[in-house]
Protein backbone atom coordinates (compact mmCIF):
# COMPACT_ATOMS: atom_id res chain seq x y z
CA MET A 1 45.33 -28.99 -50.75
CA LEU A 2 42.75 -26.01 -51.65
CA LYS A 3 43.40 -22.87 -49.20
CA ARG A 4 40.20 -22.29 -46.36
CA PRO A 5 37.94 -19.78 -47.68
CA ALA A 6 38.69 -16.34 -45.53
CA SER A 7 36.41 -13.88 -46.53
CA PRO A 8 32.85 -14.03 -48.41
CA ALA A 9 34.85 -12.70 -51.21
CA ASP A 10 36.64 -16.21 -51.89
CA LEU A 11 33.13 -18.21 -51.97
CA PRO A 12 31.51 -18.77 -55.44
CA LYS A 13 28.31 -17.34 -56.09
CA SER A 14 26.45 -20.63 -56.31
CA VAL A 15 27.57 -24.27 -54.17
CA PRO A 16 26.06 -27.68 -53.94
CA VAL A 17 23.33 -28.01 -51.57
CA PHE A 18 22.78 -31.14 -48.91
CA PRO A 19 19.28 -30.78 -47.44
CA LEU A 20 19.39 -32.78 -44.24
CA THR A 21 16.50 -31.97 -41.33
CA GLY A 22 18.28 -31.47 -37.92
CA ALA A 23 21.83 -31.23 -38.97
CA LEU A 24 23.11 -28.39 -37.91
CA LEU A 25 26.96 -27.33 -38.80
CA LEU A 26 28.62 -24.24 -37.54
CA PRO A 27 31.53 -21.99 -38.48
CA PHE A 28 34.71 -23.73 -36.95
CA SER A 29 32.86 -27.04 -35.97
CA HIS A 30 32.72 -30.19 -37.75
CA ARG A 31 30.05 -32.98 -38.91
CA PRO A 32 30.47 -36.20 -39.39
CA LEU A 33 28.30 -37.59 -42.67
CA ASN A 34 27.67 -40.63 -44.10
CA ILE A 35 26.38 -40.51 -47.73
CA PHE A 36 24.85 -43.31 -49.21
CA GLU A 37 22.51 -41.83 -51.39
CA PRO A 38 23.43 -41.99 -55.44
CA ARG A 39 22.57 -38.34 -55.62
CA TYR A 40 24.85 -37.80 -52.78
CA ILE A 41 27.67 -39.26 -53.75
CA ASP A 42 27.76 -37.46 -57.07
CA MET A 43 27.61 -34.37 -54.94
CA VAL A 44 30.55 -35.55 -53.31
CA ASP A 45 32.61 -36.34 -56.59
CA ALA A 46 31.89 -33.43 -57.42
CA ALA A 47 33.22 -31.56 -54.98
CA LEU A 48 36.31 -33.13 -54.28
CA ARG A 49 36.72 -32.75 -57.95
CA GLY A 50 36.60 -28.99 -57.63
CA ASP A 51 36.70 -26.51 -54.37
CA ARG A 52 35.30 -29.54 -51.83
CA LEU A 53 32.52 -26.19 -50.77
CA ILE A 54 28.72 -28.13 -49.90
CA GLY A 55 26.23 -26.54 -48.18
CA LEU A 56 24.12 -28.00 -45.76
CA ILE A 57 20.94 -26.56 -44.91
CA GLN A 58 17.43 -27.94 -43.46
CA PRO A 59 14.41 -28.38 -45.44
CA GLU A 60 10.88 -26.51 -44.36
CA ASP A 61 9.30 -29.56 -44.27
CA THR A 62 11.33 -31.76 -41.34
CA THR A 63 9.16 -35.18 -41.99
CA GLU A 64 11.61 -36.51 -44.52
CA GLU A 65 15.53 -37.00 -43.42
CA SER A 66 16.31 -35.65 -47.02
CA PRO A 67 13.73 -35.01 -49.47
CA LYS A 68 13.45 -35.45 -53.06
CA GLY A 69 12.58 -33.19 -55.98
CA ARG A 70 12.60 -28.76 -54.96
CA SER A 71 11.12 -28.94 -51.65
CA PRO A 72 11.47 -25.46 -50.11
CA LEU A 73 14.54 -24.89 -47.90
CA GLN A 74 14.91 -22.71 -45.15
CA SER A 75 16.69 -19.73 -46.09
CA ILE A 76 19.47 -19.50 -44.08
CA GLY A 77 22.13 -22.70 -43.67
CA CYS A 78 26.37 -23.66 -43.33
CA LEU A 79 28.78 -23.81 -45.77
CA GLY A 80 31.21 -26.45 -45.57
CA ARG A 81 34.37 -27.60 -46.71
CA LEU A 82 36.07 -31.39 -47.33
CA THR A 83 38.29 -32.24 -44.92
CA HIS A 84 37.97 -36.19 -44.51
CA PHE A 85 36.43 -38.33 -46.98
CA GLU A 86 36.75 -42.33 -46.95
CA GLU A 87 35.51 -44.73 -49.33
CA SER A 88 33.60 -48.07 -48.95
CA GLY A 89 33.47 -51.10 -50.91
CA GLU A 90 30.07 -50.69 -51.28
CA GLY A 91 29.89 -47.33 -52.43
CA ARG A 92 29.31 -45.39 -49.66
CA TYR A 93 31.49 -41.69 -48.45
CA PHE A 94 32.16 -41.18 -44.65
CA ILE A 95 32.90 -37.10 -44.88
CA ILE A 96 33.72 -34.54 -42.24
CA LEU A 97 32.48 -31.41 -43.28
CA GLU A 98 33.96 -27.98 -41.44
CA GLY A 99 31.92 -25.22 -40.92
CA ILE A 100 33.14 -21.96 -42.91
CA THR A 101 30.33 -19.51 -42.81
CA ARG A 102 26.60 -19.60 -42.86
CA PHE A 103 24.30 -17.84 -45.88
CA LYS A 104 21.52 -16.66 -47.41
CA ILE A 105 19.76 -18.55 -50.69
CA LEU A 106 19.58 -16.20 -52.98
CA HIS A 107 17.75 -18.36 -55.60
CA GLU A 108 17.73 -21.92 -56.90
CA LEU A 109 19.40 -23.20 -60.36
CA THR A 110 18.15 -25.38 -62.92
CA VAL A 111 20.48 -27.81 -63.34
CA MET A 112 21.18 -31.46 -64.93
CA THR A 113 22.66 -32.98 -61.70
CA PRO A 114 21.09 -35.21 -59.31
CA TYR A 115 21.84 -32.85 -56.45
CA ARG A 116 20.80 -29.29 -56.46
CA GLN A 117 22.74 -25.93 -56.48
CA CYS A 118 21.68 -22.61 -55.17
CA VAL A 119 23.18 -19.42 -55.55
CA ILE A 120 24.61 -18.00 -51.78
CA ASP A 121 25.57 -14.25 -50.17
CA ALA A 122 27.57 -14.47 -47.03
CA THR A 123 27.89 -11.28 -47.30
CA GLY A 124 25.95 -10.69 -44.06
CA PHE A 125 27.88 -13.47 -42.17
CA ALA A 126 31.28 -11.73 -42.36
CA ALA A 127 31.78 -12.57 -38.82
CA ASP A 128 31.61 -16.44 -39.13
CA PHE A 129 35.37 -16.24 -40.58
CA GLU A 130 36.75 -15.23 -37.58
CA ARG A 131 36.95 -17.97 -34.90
CA GLU A 132 36.49 -16.20 -31.71
CA TYR A 133 34.77 -13.44 -32.39
CA GLY A 134 31.98 -12.47 -29.87
CA GLU A 135 33.50 -14.38 -27.66
CA ASP A 136 34.51 -11.54 -24.84
CA ALA A 137 29.94 -11.16 -24.92
CA VAL A 138 29.69 -15.09 -23.79
CA ASP A 139 29.13 -15.00 -19.91
CA ARG A 140 31.37 -18.52 -20.24
CA PRO A 141 30.79 -19.28 -16.34
CA ARG A 142 27.36 -19.01 -16.86
CA PHE A 143 27.98 -21.38 -19.95
CA VAL A 144 30.02 -24.34 -18.32
CA LYS A 145 27.81 -24.64 -15.18
CA MET A 146 24.48 -25.16 -17.67
CA MET A 147 26.58 -28.03 -18.99
CA ARG A 148 27.65 -29.29 -15.75
CA ASP A 149 23.56 -29.35 -15.02
CA TYR A 150 22.87 -30.81 -17.63
CA ALA A 151 25.77 -33.34 -17.52
CA GLU A 152 24.22 -34.77 -14.39
CA PHE A 153 20.59 -34.26 -15.61
CA ALA A 154 21.97 -36.65 -18.15
CA ASN A 155 23.73 -38.70 -16.86
CA ILE A 156 26.74 -37.62 -19.20
CA ASP A 157 30.65 -38.40 -18.40
CA LEU A 158 32.01 -35.25 -20.11
CA ASN A 159 36.19 -34.21 -20.48
CA TRP A 160 36.05 -31.25 -18.52
CA GLU A 161 40.12 -30.77 -18.88
CA GLU A 162 39.27 -30.76 -22.01
CA ILE A 163 36.83 -29.03 -21.96
CA GLU A 164 38.80 -26.12 -20.36
CA GLN A 165 41.25 -25.69 -22.49
CA THR A 166 38.48 -25.39 -25.56
CA GLY A 167 37.88 -21.87 -26.53
CA THR A 168 34.53 -20.09 -26.08
CA ALA A 169 33.39 -19.65 -29.55
CA ASP A 170 34.07 -23.64 -30.30
CA LEU A 171 32.64 -24.71 -27.11
CA VAL A 172 29.50 -23.00 -27.56
CA ASN A 173 29.09 -24.07 -31.35
CA PHE A 174 29.84 -27.68 -29.98
CA CYS A 175 27.62 -27.74 -27.57
CA CYS A 176 24.68 -26.90 -29.62
CA MET A 177 25.92 -28.92 -32.94
CA VAL A 178 25.59 -31.90 -30.62
CA SER A 179 22.66 -30.66 -28.51
CA PRO A 180 19.71 -33.40 -28.46
CA TYR A 181 17.07 -30.60 -29.81
CA GLY A 182 14.28 -30.82 -32.94
CA ALA A 183 14.91 -29.33 -36.29
CA ALA A 184 12.91 -25.83 -35.81
CA GLU A 185 15.45 -25.59 -32.66
CA LYS A 186 18.54 -26.43 -34.22
CA GLN A 187 17.77 -23.77 -36.50
CA VAL A 188 17.41 -20.95 -33.93
CA LEU A 189 20.36 -21.87 -32.86
CA LEU A 190 22.34 -21.65 -36.54
CA GLU A 191 20.48 -18.17 -36.77
CA ALA A 192 21.04 -16.44 -33.62
CA GLN A 193 22.38 -12.90 -35.02
CA THR A 194 25.74 -13.23 -32.20
CA LEU A 195 27.30 -16.06 -30.22
CA GLU A 196 26.21 -14.38 -27.17
CA GLN A 197 22.49 -14.78 -28.56
CA ARG A 198 23.58 -18.38 -29.34
CA ALA A 199 25.11 -19.35 -26.10
CA GLU A 200 21.92 -17.87 -24.40
CA THR A 201 19.62 -19.69 -26.49
CA LEU A 202 20.85 -22.68 -26.18
CA ILE A 203 21.20 -21.87 -21.73
CA ALA A 204 17.55 -21.32 -22.36
CA MET A 205 16.26 -24.39 -24.10
CA THR A 206 18.34 -26.35 -22.17
CA GLU A 207 16.99 -25.20 -18.52
CA TYR A 208 13.56 -25.40 -19.77
CA GLU A 209 14.02 -29.41 -20.89
CA MET A 210 15.89 -29.68 -17.31
CA ALA A 211 12.78 -27.82 -15.79
CA ARG A 212 10.23 -30.12 -17.16
CA GLY A 213 11.56 -33.16 -15.13
CA GLY A 214 12.67 -36.32 -16.28
CA SER A 215 9.85 -38.16 -17.47
CA ASP A 216 11.80 -38.18 -21.09
CA LYS A 217 14.79 -37.35 -19.84
CA PRO A 218 17.83 -38.24 -22.47
CA ASN A 219 20.63 -40.39 -21.33
CA THR A 220 23.53 -39.33 -24.39
CA LEU A 221 23.31 -36.18 -26.52
CA ASN A 222 22.95 -36.71 -30.41
């Protein structure tokens, strides 16, 4: 099995990118995806033959889930490593991407493949390769209190024993990924400069939602 990249120096200069509205991937977190469009079937096939790396990024126009053509992309995405895949008899894939590092798009390549490819730079996100980086600055008790308050607000059952055993960075990133917020909010969480800033941003979003009351109260996390 190919080794997990350990620093920006281990990354290729260009990667296939998967534009997907509302999909957030963060370092050391896992994102399941159902792949059924032919262009992305080809992308997964190529990744499996190569280094198994795929960049997940949001398009600027969020009115489509995954726009065709060269629709403008956000400048920051997250590189994922394909750690699991299943094929169905209908020409589909179920895959899991493990977050490696955020990256900045330098420019898009002109390619013959049906999927898009971009030259990326991850040197500004070297800390993403350290799983526990920034944990000490996070107010974990405050973050867990937010989780308890939101669980009560949204009638969600959480496994508190498992939460207690989860590292702070993993907990913050997982909660950000499953939070029920829109594409713009997910991009803000992705681009947060530090783990502490990401945690505080999610707390602020959640407190605002709960303060609005229950007229459109969610009953699940997505």
